[in-house]
Protein backbone atom coordinates (compact mmCIF):
# COMPACT_ATOMS: atom_id res chain seq x y z
CA MET A 1 6.49 67.06 -16.45
CA ASN A 2 9.89 67.17 -14.25
CA ASP A 3 12.97 65.04 -15.20
CA VAL A 4 13.78 63.15 -12.25
CA LYS A 5 16.82 60.85 -12.60
CA HIS A 6 16.27 57.56 -10.66
CA ASP A 7 19.17 55.25 -10.26
CA PRO A 8 19.04 52.32 -12.75
CA PRO A 9 17.64 48.98 -11.56
CA VAL A 10 19.79 46.71 -9.87
CA CYS A 11 19.57 42.91 -9.34
CA PRO A 12 21.30 41.96 -6.02
CA LEU A 13 22.96 38.94 -7.81
CA HIS A 14 23.98 40.32 -11.39
CA GLY A 15 23.89 43.77 -11.23
CA LYS A 16 22.12 45.08 -14.12
CA PRO A 17 19.11 42.91 -14.94
CA THR A 18 20.44 40.92 -17.71
CA MET A 19 19.34 37.60 -16.80
CA ARG A 20 15.69 38.06 -16.80
CA ALA A 21 14.89 34.87 -18.40
CA THR A 22 16.53 32.73 -15.27
CA CYS A 23 16.81 35.22 -12.70
CA GLN A 24 13.43 36.33 -10.69
CA LYS A 25 15.32 39.74 -9.00
CA CYS A 26 16.86 40.56 -12.53
CA ASN A 27 13.21 40.16 -13.46
CA ALA A 28 11.63 42.00 -10.64
CA ALA A 29 14.32 44.93 -11.10
CA TYR A 30 13.88 45.17 -14.71
CA MET A 31 9.94 45.32 -14.26
CA ARG A 32 10.07 48.12 -11.35
CA GLY A 33 12.22 50.15 -13.96
CA TYR A 34 10.09 49.53 -16.47
CA LEU A 35 7.05 50.54 -14.72
CA SER A 36 8.62 53.30 -13.06
CA THR A 37 8.56 54.87 -16.64
CA MET A 38 5.14 53.41 -17.55
CA ARG A 39 3.73 55.49 -14.63
CA LYS A 40 5.92 58.55 -15.64
CA THR A 41 5.51 58.65 -19.67
CA ARG A 42 2.01 57.18 -19.92
CA PRO A 43 0.26 58.65 -16.34
CA ALA A 44 -3.22 58.12 -17.83
CA LYS A 45 -2.59 54.36 -18.54
CA ALA A 46 -1.19 53.76 -14.74
CA ILE A 47 -3.92 55.66 -13.51
CA LEU A 48 -6.47 53.24 -15.32
CA GLU A 49 -4.72 50.01 -14.39
CA ARG A 50 -4.76 51.17 -10.48
CA ALA A 51 -8.56 52.00 -10.60
CA LYS A 52 -9.17 48.79 -12.53
CA GLN A 53 -7.91 46.87 -9.86
CA ARG A 54 -8.77 48.68 -7.00
CA ALA A 55 -12.75 48.05 -8.53
CA ARG A 56 -11.93 44.57 -8.97
CA ARG A 57 -10.58 44.67 -5.44
CA GLN A 58 -13.79 46.34 -3.67
CA GLY A 59 -16.10 44.65 -6.23
CA ILE A 60 -17.90 47.65 -7.84
CA PRO A 61 -18.54 48.19 -11.26
CA TYR A 62 -15.27 49.38 -13.74
CA SER A 63 -16.54 50.56 -17.13
CA LEU A 64 -13.48 53.37 -17.69
CA ARG A 65 -11.42 53.49 -21.23
CA ARG A 66 -8.30 55.49 -21.98
CA GLN A 67 -10.39 58.25 -23.74
CA ASP A 68 -12.09 58.89 -20.90
CA ILE A 69 -8.99 60.37 -19.33
CA ALA A 70 -6.88 63.20 -19.39
CA VAL A 71 -4.12 64.17 -17.51
CA PRO A 72 -4.21 68.24 -17.76
CA ALA A 73 -0.75 70.27 -16.83
CA ARG A 74 -2.99 72.17 -14.11
CA CYS A 75 -5.99 70.64 -12.13
CA PRO A 76 -8.80 72.23 -13.60
CA VAL A 77 -10.82 73.31 -10.60
CA LEU A 78 -8.14 74.43 -8.40
CA GLY A 79 -5.16 75.51 -11.31
CA LEU A 80 -2.52 74.24 -9.35
CA PRO A 81 0.07 72.54 -11.86
CA LEU A 82 -0.38 68.70 -11.47
CA ILE A 83 3.16 66.86 -11.07
CA VAL A 84 3.58 63.19 -12.65
CA GLY A 85 6.13 60.87 -12.03
CA GLU A 86 7.88 61.78 -8.67
CA VAL A 87 6.33 60.42 -5.46
CA ARG A 88 2.64 60.48 -4.82
CA SER A 89 1.90 64.51 -3.18
CA ASP A 90 -0.84 66.65 -3.03
CA GLY A 91 0.20 68.02 -6.90
CA SER A 92 -0.59 64.65 -8.13
CA PRO A 93 -3.15 63.51 -10.24
CA SER A 94 -6.32 61.59 -9.27
CA LEU A 95 -9.18 60.17 -10.28
CA ASP A 96 -12.87 60.84 -8.06
CA ARG A 97 -15.05 57.63 -7.85
CA ILE A 98 -18.56 58.55 -8.59
CA ASP A 99 -21.50 55.92 -7.76
CA PRO A 100 -23.80 56.08 -10.50
CA ALA A 101 -26.44 54.10 -8.22
CA LYS A 102 -26.63 57.07 -5.91
CA GLY A 103 -27.41 59.61 -8.85
């Protein structure tokens, strides 16, 4: 995994997001930082969350569990290194959608 330094989340009103309970912008800044960290440290969970949201939005069945997902260091087909925690690229891990009704 690459160690990418990002600027800490900042509330436009208070700077450091310390007023989360009373300031929507503090809470939003904190959540951006939290979710960014989670995507980097738990990529499988982030991939599953997005897949579940897509399935719900498209009205298709969803039955994946955390145990069903493994994020290897290299692409099992091409052997290229997978890049986690950076902007989406050709080296980002992804899921393939399979429609069981089609065999």
